[in-house]
N, C-alpha and C. Protein backbone atom coordinates (compact mmCIF):
# COMPACT_ATOMS: atom_id res chain seq x y z
N MET A 1 9.52 -2.54 -5.37
CA MET A 1 8.10 -2.31 -5.40
C MET A 1 7.36 -3.60 -5.73
N GLU A 2 7.88 -4.39 -6.65
CA GLU A 2 7.22 -5.64 -7.02
C GLU A 2 7.14 -6.59 -5.83
N THR A 3 8.21 -6.66 -5.04
CA THR A 3 8.20 -7.53 -3.86
C THR A 3 7.15 -7.04 -2.86
N PHE A 4 7.09 -5.75 -2.63
CA PHE A 4 6.10 -5.18 -1.73
C PHE A 4 4.70 -5.50 -2.22
N LEU A 5 4.41 -5.24 -3.48
CA LEU A 5 3.08 -5.48 -4.03
C LEU A 5 2.70 -6.96 -4.02
N SER A 6 3.68 -7.85 -4.11
CA SER A 6 3.38 -9.29 -4.14
C SER A 6 2.75 -9.77 -2.84
N HIS A 7 2.92 -9.02 -1.75
CA HIS A 7 2.34 -9.40 -0.46
C HIS A 7 0.93 -8.86 -0.27
N ILE A 8 0.53 -7.95 -1.14
CA ILE A 8 -0.78 -7.30 -1.02
C ILE A 8 -1.83 -8.12 -1.76
N ASP A 9 -3.02 -8.20 -1.19
CA ASP A 9 -4.14 -8.90 -1.81
C ASP A 9 -4.27 -8.44 -3.26
N VAL A 10 -4.39 -9.39 -4.17
CA VAL A 10 -4.41 -9.10 -5.61
C VAL A 10 -5.47 -8.05 -5.96
N LYS A 11 -6.61 -8.11 -5.33
CA LYS A 11 -7.70 -7.18 -5.63
C LYS A 11 -7.39 -5.76 -5.20
N GLN A 12 -6.41 -5.58 -4.31
CA GLN A 12 -6.09 -4.26 -3.77
C GLN A 12 -4.81 -3.66 -4.32
N ARG A 13 -4.10 -4.39 -5.13
CA ARG A 13 -2.81 -3.89 -5.64
C ARG A 13 -2.96 -2.61 -6.44
N GLY A 14 -3.99 -2.51 -7.23
CA GLY A 14 -4.22 -1.29 -8.02
C GLY A 14 -4.45 -0.08 -7.13
N ILE A 15 -5.22 -0.26 -6.07
CA ILE A 15 -5.51 0.83 -5.13
C ILE A 15 -4.22 1.31 -4.48
N VAL A 16 -3.40 0.37 -4.05
CA VAL A 16 -2.14 0.73 -3.38
C VAL A 16 -1.18 1.39 -4.36
N THR A 17 -1.09 0.85 -5.56
CA THR A 17 -0.22 1.45 -6.58
C THR A 17 -0.64 2.88 -6.88
N ARG A 18 -1.93 3.11 -7.05
CA ARG A 18 -2.42 4.47 -7.32
C ARG A 18 -2.13 5.40 -6.14
N ALA A 19 -2.34 4.90 -4.92
CA ALA A 19 -2.09 5.73 -3.73
C ALA A 19 -0.61 6.11 -3.63
N MET A 20 0.28 5.19 -3.95
CA MET A 20 1.71 5.48 -3.88
C MET A 20 2.13 6.44 -4.99
N THR A 21 1.58 6.26 -6.16
CA THR A 21 1.88 7.16 -7.27
C THR A 21 1.40 8.57 -6.95
N GLU A 22 0.20 8.66 -6.43
CA GLU A 22 -0.37 9.95 -6.05
C GLU A 22 0.47 10.60 -4.94
N ALA A 23 0.96 9.79 -4.00
CA ALA A 23 1.78 10.31 -2.90
C ALA A 23 3.08 10.94 -3.39
N THR A 24 3.65 10.39 -4.45
CA THR A 24 4.88 10.99 -4.98
C THR A 24 4.60 12.35 -5.61
N ARG A 25 3.35 12.56 -6.02
CA ARG A 25 2.96 13.83 -6.63
C ARG A 25 2.49 14.85 -5.60
N THR A 26 1.72 14.37 -4.59
CA THR A 26 1.09 15.29 -3.63
C THR A 26 1.80 15.37 -2.29
N GLY A 27 2.57 14.33 -1.95
CA GLY A 27 3.21 14.30 -0.64
C GLY A 27 2.32 13.75 0.45
N VAL A 28 1.14 13.21 0.07
CA VAL A 28 0.19 12.69 1.04
C VAL A 28 -0.20 11.26 0.66
N ILE A 29 -0.23 10.37 1.67
CA ILE A 29 -0.71 9.01 1.43
C ILE A 29 -1.72 8.66 2.52
N ASP A 30 -2.76 7.99 2.10
CA ASP A 30 -3.81 7.53 3.02
C ASP A 30 -4.47 6.33 2.36
N VAL A 31 -4.02 5.13 2.72
CA VAL A 31 -4.53 3.92 2.08
C VAL A 31 -4.56 2.78 3.10
N GLU A 32 -5.55 1.94 2.99
CA GLU A 32 -5.71 0.77 3.85
C GLU A 32 -5.71 -0.45 2.93
N TYR A 33 -4.97 -1.50 3.32
CA TYR A 33 -4.87 -2.67 2.47
C TYR A 33 -4.58 -3.92 3.29
N ARG A 34 -4.83 -5.08 2.66
CA ARG A 34 -4.62 -6.36 3.32
C ARG A 34 -3.38 -7.02 2.74
N ILE A 35 -2.56 -7.59 3.62
CA ILE A 35 -1.39 -8.33 3.17
C ILE A 35 -1.52 -9.78 3.61
N ASP A 36 -0.79 -10.63 2.91
CA ASP A 36 -0.64 -12.02 3.31
C ASP A 36 0.74 -12.13 3.94
N ALA A 37 0.78 -12.32 5.25
CA ALA A 37 2.04 -12.36 5.98
C ALA A 37 2.80 -13.65 5.72
N ALA A 38 4.06 -13.67 6.06
CA ALA A 38 4.91 -14.84 5.85
C ALA A 38 4.38 -16.07 6.58
N ASP A 39 3.68 -15.86 7.70
CA ASP A 39 3.15 -17.00 8.45
C ASP A 39 1.80 -17.48 7.90
N GLY A 40 1.35 -16.87 6.79
CA GLY A 40 0.11 -17.28 6.16
C GLY A 40 -1.12 -16.52 6.62
N ALA A 41 -0.96 -15.71 7.66
CA ALA A 41 -2.09 -14.93 8.19
C ALA A 41 -2.33 -13.70 7.32
N SER A 42 -3.58 -13.27 7.27
CA SER A 42 -3.92 -12.02 6.58
C SER A 42 -3.96 -10.92 7.62
N ARG A 43 -3.41 -9.76 7.25
CA ARG A 43 -3.38 -8.62 8.17
C ARG A 43 -3.75 -7.36 7.40
N TRP A 44 -4.46 -6.47 8.08
CA TRP A 44 -4.80 -5.17 7.51
C TRP A 44 -3.79 -4.14 7.96
N LEU A 45 -3.35 -3.32 7.04
CA LEU A 45 -2.41 -2.24 7.33
C LEU A 45 -2.98 -0.93 6.84
N VAL A 46 -2.59 0.15 7.50
CA VAL A 46 -2.97 1.48 7.08
C VAL A 46 -1.69 2.28 6.90
N ALA A 47 -1.59 2.93 5.76
CA ALA A 47 -0.45 3.81 5.49
C ALA A 47 -0.98 5.24 5.39
N LYS A 48 -0.55 6.09 6.30
CA LYS A 48 -0.95 7.49 6.31
C LYS A 48 0.28 8.34 6.55
N GLY A 49 0.33 9.44 5.87
CA GLY A 49 1.44 10.34 6.10
C GLY A 49 1.40 11.53 5.18
N ALA A 50 2.17 12.52 5.53
CA ALA A 50 2.29 13.72 4.72
C ALA A 50 3.71 14.25 4.84
N GLY A 51 4.16 14.81 3.78
CA GLY A 51 5.50 15.39 3.78
C GLY A 51 5.67 16.25 2.56
N SER A 52 6.84 16.74 2.37
CA SER A 52 7.09 17.56 1.20
C SER A 52 7.48 16.67 0.03
N VAL A 53 7.21 17.15 -1.14
CA VAL A 53 7.50 16.38 -2.35
C VAL A 53 8.80 16.85 -2.94
């Protein structure tokens, strides 16, 4: 998890952490965030999904 979060924009890490924590409780995730890719480019990603807990 730390490695994953290290790629996310510092200002958005809390949002992503809360969304993932909530997803383990509800089975639903819906979050948009910016990462810093290995090539130095910034990219926006969206994580959406639902499943059983």
